[in-house]
Amino acid sequence: MRLRLAVLAIALLAAGCAAPKAWERGALAAPEMAWEPDPLLATYREHTHLSKEQASGGASAGGGGCGCAN
């Protein structure tokens, strides 16, 4: 029973790592799929973050410099 569950888990994990097919790449390349769909707005947000936190880099980290959460 454990062997069957282990084989099933490995099969599910391997299936999740499949590369996208050629016809699926168009949907993945859509602007809505970008990490930052609007680069100008992302630049403004990063500038605000840097101005408020007086820090550089780590723009993806949450929380303020005082230890409080955003």
Protein backbone atom coordinates (compact mmCIF):
# COMPACT_ATOMS: atom_id res chain seq x y z
CA MET A 1 0.00 0.00 0.00
CA ARG A 2 2.79 2.42 0.88
CA LEU A 3 4.61 1.58 -2.31
CA ARG A 4 1.50 2.37 -4.35
CA LEU A 5 1.09 5.70 -2.60
CA ALA A 6 4.75 6.55 -3.16
CA VAL A 7 4.51 5.68 -6.86
CA LEU A 8 1.32 7.73 -7.18
CA ALA A 9 2.92 10.73 -5.45
CA ILE A 10 5.98 10.57 -7.70
CA ALA A 11 3.79 10.28 -10.80
CA LEU A 12 1.75 13.33 -9.77
CA LEU A 13 4.86 15.37 -9.07
CA ALA A 14 6.45 14.39 -12.37
CA ALA A 15 3.30 15.31 -14.30
CA GLY A 16 3.26 18.77 -12.70
CA CYS A 17 6.70 19.60 -14.10
CA ALA A 18 5.77 19.10 -17.74
CA ALA A 19 6.97 21.74 -20.18
CA PRO A 20 4.26 23.74 -21.97
CA LYS A 21 3.37 22.68 -25.47
CA ALA A 22 4.03 24.98 -28.43
CA TRP A 23 0.36 25.99 -28.69
CA GLU A 24 0.22 26.81 -24.94
CA ARG A 25 3.13 29.25 -25.03
CA GLY A 26 1.04 32.00 -26.59
CA ALA A 27 -1.23 32.11 -23.55
CA LEU A 28 1.76 32.16 -21.21
CA ALA A 29 3.34 35.04 -23.12
CA ALA A 30 0.25 37.25 -22.71
CA PRO A 31 0.88 40.56 -20.92
CA GLU A 32 -1.54 39.53 -18.15
CA MET A 33 0.79 36.67 -17.21
CA ALA A 34 3.77 38.92 -16.49
CA TRP A 35 4.96 39.41 -12.91
CA GLU A 36 4.48 43.12 -13.40
CA PRO A 37 1.98 43.77 -16.22
CA ASP A 38 2.60 47.52 -16.02
CA PRO A 39 6.34 48.30 -15.82
CA LEU A 40 5.75 52.02 -15.20
CA LEU A 41 3.47 51.32 -12.23
CA ALA A 42 6.04 48.83 -10.90
CA THR A 43 8.70 51.53 -11.09
CA TYR A 44 6.50 53.94 -9.14
CA ARG A 45 5.78 51.30 -6.49
CA GLU A 46 9.46 50.47 -6.11
CA HIS A 47 10.33 54.16 -5.81
CA THR A 48 7.70 54.60 -3.10
CA HIS A 49 8.94 51.52 -1.29
CA LEU A 50 12.54 52.73 -1.41
CA SER A 51 11.54 56.20 -0.25
CA LYS A 52 9.53 54.89 2.68
CA GLU A 53 11.87 52.14 3.80
CA GLN A 54 15.21 53.78 2.96
CA ALA A 55 16.39 50.42 1.76
CA SER A 56 17.49 49.02 -1.55
CA GLY A 57 16.61 45.63 -3.01
CA GLY A 58 14.27 43.13 -1.47
CA ALA A 59 11.24 44.80 -3.00
CA SER A 60 9.28 41.56 -2.65
CA ALA A 61 9.69 41.36 1.13
CA GLY A 62 6.72 42.36 3.23
CA GLY A 63 6.70 44.39 6.40
CA GLY A 64 8.06 47.74 7.39
CA GLY A 65 11.44 48.75 8.73
CA CYS A 66 9.96 49.12 12.20
CA GLY A 67 8.93 45.45 12.33
CA CYS A 68 5.25 46.09 11.61
CA ALA A 69 3.40 44.40 8.73
CA ASN A 70 2.19 46.29 5.67
